[in-house]
Protein backbone atom coordinates (compact mmCIF):
# COMPACT_ATOMS: atom_id res chain seq x y z
CA ILE A 1 -229.49 104.54 -98.64
CA THR A 2 -228.36 101.47 -100.54
CA LEU A 3 -226.82 102.26 -103.95
CA GLU A 4 -226.64 99.71 -106.75
CA GLU A 5 -224.83 99.55 -110.10
CA ASP A 6 -224.01 103.05 -111.43
CA ALA A 7 -225.75 105.02 -108.66
CA LYS A 8 -223.55 107.21 -106.44
CA ILE A 9 -223.67 110.16 -104.07
CA SER A 10 -221.63 113.08 -105.43
CA ALA A 11 -219.19 115.11 -103.33
CA SER A 12 -221.90 117.77 -102.99
CA GLY A 13 -224.40 115.21 -101.63
CA VAL A 14 -226.47 114.75 -104.80
CA LEU A 15 -227.80 111.29 -105.64
CA GLU A 16 -226.74 110.48 -109.22
CA LEU A 17 -228.34 107.42 -110.80
CA ASN A 18 -226.10 107.60 -113.85
CA ASP A 19 -223.10 109.48 -115.16
CA PRO A 20 -224.10 112.02 -117.85
CA LYS A 21 -220.58 111.89 -119.31
CA ASP A 22 -220.83 108.13 -119.87
CA THR A 23 -221.88 107.24 -123.44
CA ASN A 24 -222.49 103.55 -122.69
CA VAL A 25 -225.69 101.95 -121.48
CA PHE A 26 -225.90 102.35 -117.73
CA VAL A 27 -228.38 101.78 -114.97
CA GLY A 28 -228.48 102.67 -111.31
CA ARG A 29 -230.92 102.67 -108.43
CA ALA A 30 -231.06 103.67 -104.81
CA PHE A 31 -233.17 102.32 -101.96
CA TYR A 32 -234.00 103.69 -98.55
CA THR A 33 -232.51 100.94 -96.41
CA LEU A 34 -234.84 100.95 -93.39
CA PRO A 35 -238.33 99.43 -93.64
CA VAL A 36 -241.23 101.86 -94.08
CA PRO A 37 -244.27 100.31 -92.36
CA ILE A 38 -247.53 100.36 -94.30
CA TRP A 39 -249.67 98.89 -91.53
CA ASP A 40 -249.97 100.08 -87.93
CA PRO A 41 -250.50 96.90 -85.86
CA SER A 42 -251.45 98.86 -82.73
CA THR A 43 -254.43 100.60 -84.39
CA GLY A 44 -255.16 98.24 -87.27
CA ASN A 45 -255.03 101.20 -89.66
CA VAL A 46 -253.00 101.77 -92.77
CA ALA A 47 -249.90 103.75 -91.85
CA SER A 48 -248.80 106.81 -93.78
CA PHE A 49 -245.62 108.73 -94.40
CA ILE A 50 -244.70 112.01 -96.03
CA THR A 51 -241.54 112.67 -97.98
CA THR A 52 -240.19 115.26 -100.39
CA PHE A 53 -238.15 114.76 -103.54
CA SER A 54 -236.24 117.45 -105.37
CA PHE A 55 -234.61 116.47 -108.64
CA VAL A 56 -233.17 117.78 -111.88
CA LEU A 57 -233.37 115.99 -115.22
CA GLU A 58 -230.77 117.22 -117.68
CA ASN A 59 -230.18 116.51 -121.34
CA VAL A 60 -226.42 116.63 -121.78
CA GLY A 61 -224.71 115.86 -125.03
CA THR A 62 -226.23 114.99 -128.39
CA LYS A 63 -227.74 111.60 -127.57
CA VAL A 64 -231.51 111.24 -127.52
CA PRO A 65 -232.44 110.81 -123.85
CA ALA A 66 -234.07 107.55 -122.86
CA ASP A 67 -233.89 107.59 -119.09
CA GLY A 68 -236.80 107.02 -116.77
CA LEU A 69 -237.55 107.77 -113.17
CA VAL A 70 -239.69 105.55 -110.95
CA PHE A 71 -240.75 105.86 -107.33
CA LEU A 72 -241.94 102.63 -105.79
CA HIS A 73 -242.73 101.10 -102.44
CA GLN A 74 -241.58 97.48 -102.32
CA GLN A 75 -239.19 95.15 -100.60
CA MET A 76 -235.61 95.41 -101.82
CA LEU A 77 -235.01 92.82 -104.54
CA PRO A 78 -231.79 91.63 -106.21
CA PHE A 79 -230.57 93.91 -108.98
CA PRO A 80 -231.05 92.77 -112.61
CA ALA A 81 -228.14 91.53 -114.69
CA PRO A 82 -225.31 94.08 -115.08
CA GLN A 83 -225.90 96.51 -117.96
CA SER A 84 -229.29 94.93 -118.65
CA VAL A 85 -231.20 97.47 -120.75
CA ASP A 86 -234.70 96.30 -119.92
CA GLY A 87 -233.80 95.04 -116.46
CA TRP A 88 -234.54 91.37 -117.08
CA GLU A 89 -232.47 90.07 -120.02
């Protein structure tokens, strides 16, 4: 897994995309590093894969939450500008 910006793996092995104790704007993301094929060249068929996600979303503190969670299948692209709220300032 490739971690970018504020993302980290905790001591207990949990992927954390941000720090709930941090009161500043923060952003983090994680990518599976190895390619996941979407086309099987030997059969000419669309390939498939199965995965499982288990996650917890917590509201800690008094701030109004504004986080989002996205699952996507794409090539790994450069990360947006540091601390960029909308990702493309």
